[in-house]
Amino acid sequence: KLVTATVPILAEHGVTITTLFYRQMLEANPDLRNVFSRSNVAFRQRQLARAVHAHAANIEDLTPILPVVERIAHKHTSVHIVPSR
């Protein structure tokens, strides 16, 4: 219920949220600036906003978004992003 309730908020404010996320992530981890070029950060912010919105909108059945999740996982793996410890 909680995730489903966020769908309208994510639709309206998703890019604002992901812009703040990227800013804070890059400030806290300056070494990631080598992974994310300034020219593609805005594009990635929009992509992440769409992905989070799609996840929330399909929370009951994630099957429709699995191809997107797989692409994200492959990209993260290719640049050696691992979970923090």
Protein backbone atom coordinates (compact mmCIF):
# COMPACT_ATOMS: atom_id res chain seq x y z
CA LYS A 1 0.00 0.00 0.00
CA LEU A 2 2.76 2.43 0.92
CA VAL A 3 4.70 1.93 -2.32
CA THR A 4 1.54 2.16 -4.42
CA ALA A 5 0.66 5.41 -2.65
CA THR A 6 3.94 6.95 -3.85
CA VAL A 7 3.16 6.47 -7.57
CA PRO A 8 1.56 9.93 -8.09
CA ILE A 9 4.35 11.60 -6.09
CA LEU A 10 7.00 9.83 -8.14
CA ALA A 11 5.24 10.77 -11.36
CA GLU A 12 5.27 14.44 -10.40
CA HIS A 13 8.51 14.77 -8.42
CA GLY A 14 10.65 11.81 -9.48
CA VAL A 15 13.28 13.86 -11.30
CA THR A 16 13.55 16.26 -8.36
CA ILE A 17 14.13 13.30 -6.05
CA THR A 18 16.72 11.64 -8.29
CA THR A 19 18.50 14.96 -8.89
CA LEU A 20 18.94 15.34 -5.13
CA PHE A 21 20.00 11.69 -4.88
CA TYR A 22 22.70 12.09 -7.55
CA ARG A 23 23.96 15.35 -6.02
CA GLN A 24 24.28 13.81 -2.57
CA MET A 25 25.76 10.57 -3.94
CA LEU A 26 28.44 12.40 -5.93
CA GLU A 27 29.25 14.75 -3.04
CA ALA A 28 29.64 11.81 -0.65
CA ASN A 29 31.55 9.70 -3.19
CA PRO A 30 33.63 12.01 -5.40
CA ASP A 31 35.39 9.01 -6.96
CA LEU A 32 32.08 8.22 -8.71
CA ARG A 33 32.53 11.33 -10.83
CA ASN A 34 34.82 9.13 -12.91
CA VAL A 35 31.87 6.80 -13.54
CA PHE A 36 29.22 9.45 -14.20
CA SER A 37 30.22 12.13 -16.65
CA ARG A 38 28.62 15.52 -16.14
CA SER A 39 27.08 15.34 -19.58
CA ASN A 40 25.08 12.21 -18.82
CA VAL A 41 24.08 12.84 -15.20
CA ALA A 42 20.87 14.67 -16.18
CA PHE A 43 19.98 11.79 -18.50
CA ARG A 44 20.66 9.24 -15.74
CA GLN A 45 18.55 11.26 -13.28
CA ARG A 46 15.57 11.03 -15.65
CA GLN A 47 16.20 7.34 -16.29
CA LEU A 48 16.36 6.58 -12.58
CA ALA A 49 13.18 8.57 -11.93
CA ARG A 50 11.36 6.57 -14.63
CA ALA A 51 12.71 3.27 -13.26
CA VAL A 52 11.69 4.02 -9.67
CA HIS A 53 8.24 5.15 -10.85
CA ALA A 54 7.82 2.00 -12.95
CA HIS A 55 8.86 -0.15 -10.00
CA ALA A 56 6.32 1.49 -7.72
CA ALA A 57 3.59 1.36 -10.38
CA ASN A 58 4.23 -2.37 -10.97
CA ILE A 59 4.93 -3.40 -7.38
CA GLU A 60 2.33 -6.19 -7.51
CA ASP A 61 3.92 -7.73 -10.63
CA LEU A 62 7.43 -6.67 -11.54
CA THR A 63 7.51 -8.85 -14.66
CA PRO A 64 6.90 -5.89 -17.04
CA ILE A 65 10.00 -4.06 -15.80
CA LEU A 66 12.43 -6.98 -15.56
CA PRO A 67 14.25 -6.04 -18.79
CA VAL A 68 14.98 -2.58 -17.37
CA VAL A 69 16.15 -4.04 -14.06
CA GLU A 70 18.44 -6.43 -15.93
CA ARG A 71 19.99 -3.55 -17.94
CA ILE A 72 20.57 -1.57 -14.73
CA ALA A 73 22.17 -4.61 -13.07
CA HIS A 74 24.44 -5.22 -16.07
CA LYS A 75 25.51 -1.57 -16.14
CA HIS A 76 26.31 -1.54 -12.43
CA THR A 77 28.23 -4.79 -12.77
CA SER A 78 30.21 -3.46 -15.74
CA VAL A 79 31.54 -0.55 -13.67
CA HIS A 80 32.17 -2.78 -10.62
CA ILE A 81 29.52 -1.26 -8.37
CA VAL A 82 28.97 -3.54 -5.38
CA PRO A 83 26.80 -3.25 -2.28
CA SER A 84 28.32 -1.20 0.52
CA ARG A 85 29.41 -3.12 3.56
